């Protein structure tokens, strides 16, 4: 990949990767997933905005993973006890099956 150093060379190569022929087509999302780190790093030197977007997407993906795990943990707790914390403080658990006073 040392031959791809300029923005036009990298752009041309990536366009070929999207549609290499023989009925094969890739989406930009699949290309981004499969792109070797060395090529991605070289591309991002020419397009720093793509680096910023990738970093933000990775940050949001990690936050979503944490939220899914918190949800799964709360679900498990609810299934086992019917009480789930309503805040970050586990002492603030409320029985969700009881009706609130009128």
Protein backbone atom coordinates (compact mmCIF):
# COMPACT_ATOMS: atom_id res chain seq x y z
CA UNK A 1 0.00 0.00 0.00
CA UNK A 2 3.04 2.24 -0.14
CA UNK A 3 2.01 3.25 -3.66
CA UNK A 4 -1.05 5.12 -2.29
CA UNK A 5 0.22 8.39 -0.89
CA UNK A 6 -1.74 11.19 -2.49
CA UNK A 7 -5.41 11.89 -1.96
CA UNK A 8 -6.28 11.14 -5.63
CA UNK A 9 -4.42 7.79 -5.50
CA UNK A 10 -6.18 6.76 -2.30
CA UNK A 11 -9.56 7.94 -3.58
CA UNK A 12 -9.12 6.00 -6.85
CA UNK A 13 -8.09 2.83 -5.00
CA UNK A 14 -11.04 3.08 -2.59
CA UNK A 15 -13.44 3.61 -5.51
CA UNK A 16 -12.12 0.37 -7.00
CA UNK A 17 -12.63 -1.35 -3.66
CA UNK A 18 -16.28 -0.27 -3.68
CA UNK A 19 -16.88 -1.74 -7.12
CA UNK A 20 -14.11 -4.18 -8.06
CA UNK A 21 -16.15 -5.75 -10.85
CA UNK A 22 -17.32 -9.33 -11.41
CA UNK A 23 -20.67 -8.37 -9.86
CA UNK A 24 -19.06 -7.50 -6.53
CA UNK A 25 -20.15 -4.26 -4.87
CA UNK A 26 -19.47 -3.03 -1.36
CA UNK A 27 -21.18 -0.36 0.66
CA UNK A 28 -19.07 2.45 2.07
CA UNK A 29 -19.91 1.10 5.55
CA UNK A 30 -18.50 -2.33 4.69
CA UNK A 31 -15.44 -0.72 3.15
CA UNK A 32 -14.87 1.33 6.31
CA UNK A 33 -15.09 -1.84 8.42
CA UNK A 34 -12.69 -3.80 6.22
CA UNK A 35 -10.19 -1.03 5.48
CA UNK A 36 -6.69 -1.81 6.77
CA UNK A 37 -5.57 0.56 9.51
CA UNK A 38 -2.50 1.67 7.55
CA UNK A 39 -4.64 2.73 4.58
CA UNK A 40 -7.23 4.36 6.85
CA UNK A 41 -4.52 6.35 8.64
CA UNK A 42 -3.04 7.51 5.35
CA UNK A 43 -6.49 8.48 4.04
CA UNK A 44 -7.25 10.39 7.23
CA UNK A 45 -4.13 12.52 6.80
CA UNK A 46 -5.80 13.86 3.65
CA UNK A 47 -9.32 13.93 5.15
CA UNK A 48 -9.07 14.76 8.86
CA UNK A 49 -12.83 15.30 9.02
CA UNK A 50 -13.22 11.56 8.39
CA UNK A 51 -10.94 10.83 11.34
CA UNK A 52 -13.08 13.04 13.58
CA UNK A 53 -16.27 11.32 12.42
CA UNK A 54 -14.75 7.85 12.92
CA UNK A 55 -13.59 8.70 16.44
CA UNK A 56 -17.03 10.10 17.29
CA UNK A 57 -18.75 7.00 15.87
CA UNK A 58 -16.47 4.77 17.95
CA UNK A 59 -17.23 6.83 21.07
CA UNK A 60 -20.98 6.62 20.48
CA UNK A 61 -20.74 2.89 19.80
CA UNK A 62 -18.95 2.38 23.13
CA UNK A 63 -21.60 4.47 24.92
CA UNK A 64 -24.35 2.42 23.26
CA UNK A 65 -22.64 -0.79 24.37
CA UNK A 66 -22.56 0.51 27.95
CA UNK A 67 -26.23 1.52 27.78
CA UNK A 68 -27.21 -1.91 26.44
CA UNK A 69 -25.27 -3.58 29.26
CA UNK A 70 -26.92 -1.33 31.87
CA UNK A 71 -30.32 -2.19 30.39
CA UNK A 72 -29.57 -5.92 30.46
CA UNK A 73 -28.39 -5.68 34.07
CA UNK A 74 -31.52 -3.77 35.11
CA UNK A 75 -33.70 -6.26 33.25
CA UNK A 76 -32.04 -9.15 35.02
CA UNK A 77 -32.50 -7.43 38.37
CA UNK A 78 -36.15 -6.67 37.61
CA UNK A 79 -36.82 -10.28 36.59
CA UNK A 80 -35.25 -11.58 39.80
CA UNK A 81 -36.59 -9.03 42.30
CA UNK A 82 -39.16 -6.78 40.59
CA UNK A 83 -37.23 -3.82 42.00
CA UNK A 84 -34.94 -1.74 39.84
CA UNK A 85 -32.98 1.36 40.72
CA UNK A 86 -34.51 4.51 39.30
CA UNK A 87 -31.26 6.43 39.56
CA UNK A 88 -27.55 5.71 39.74
CA UNK A 89 -28.05 5.03 43.48
CA UNK A 90 -29.07 1.37 43.97
CA UNK A 91 -30.59 2.36 47.34
CA UNK A 92 -33.23 4.26 45.37
CA UNK A 93 -34.85 1.01 44.18
CA UNK A 94 -38.61 1.21 43.66
CA UNK A 95 -40.99 -1.72 43.28
CA UNK A 96 -42.33 -1.14 39.78
CA UNK A 97 -45.32 -3.46 40.37
CA UNK A 98 -46.81 -1.27 43.12
CA UNK A 99 -49.16 1.50 42.11
CA UNK A 100 -48.27 5.03 43.07
CA UNK A 101 -50.50 6.66 45.71
CA UNK A 102 -53.25 8.82 44.22
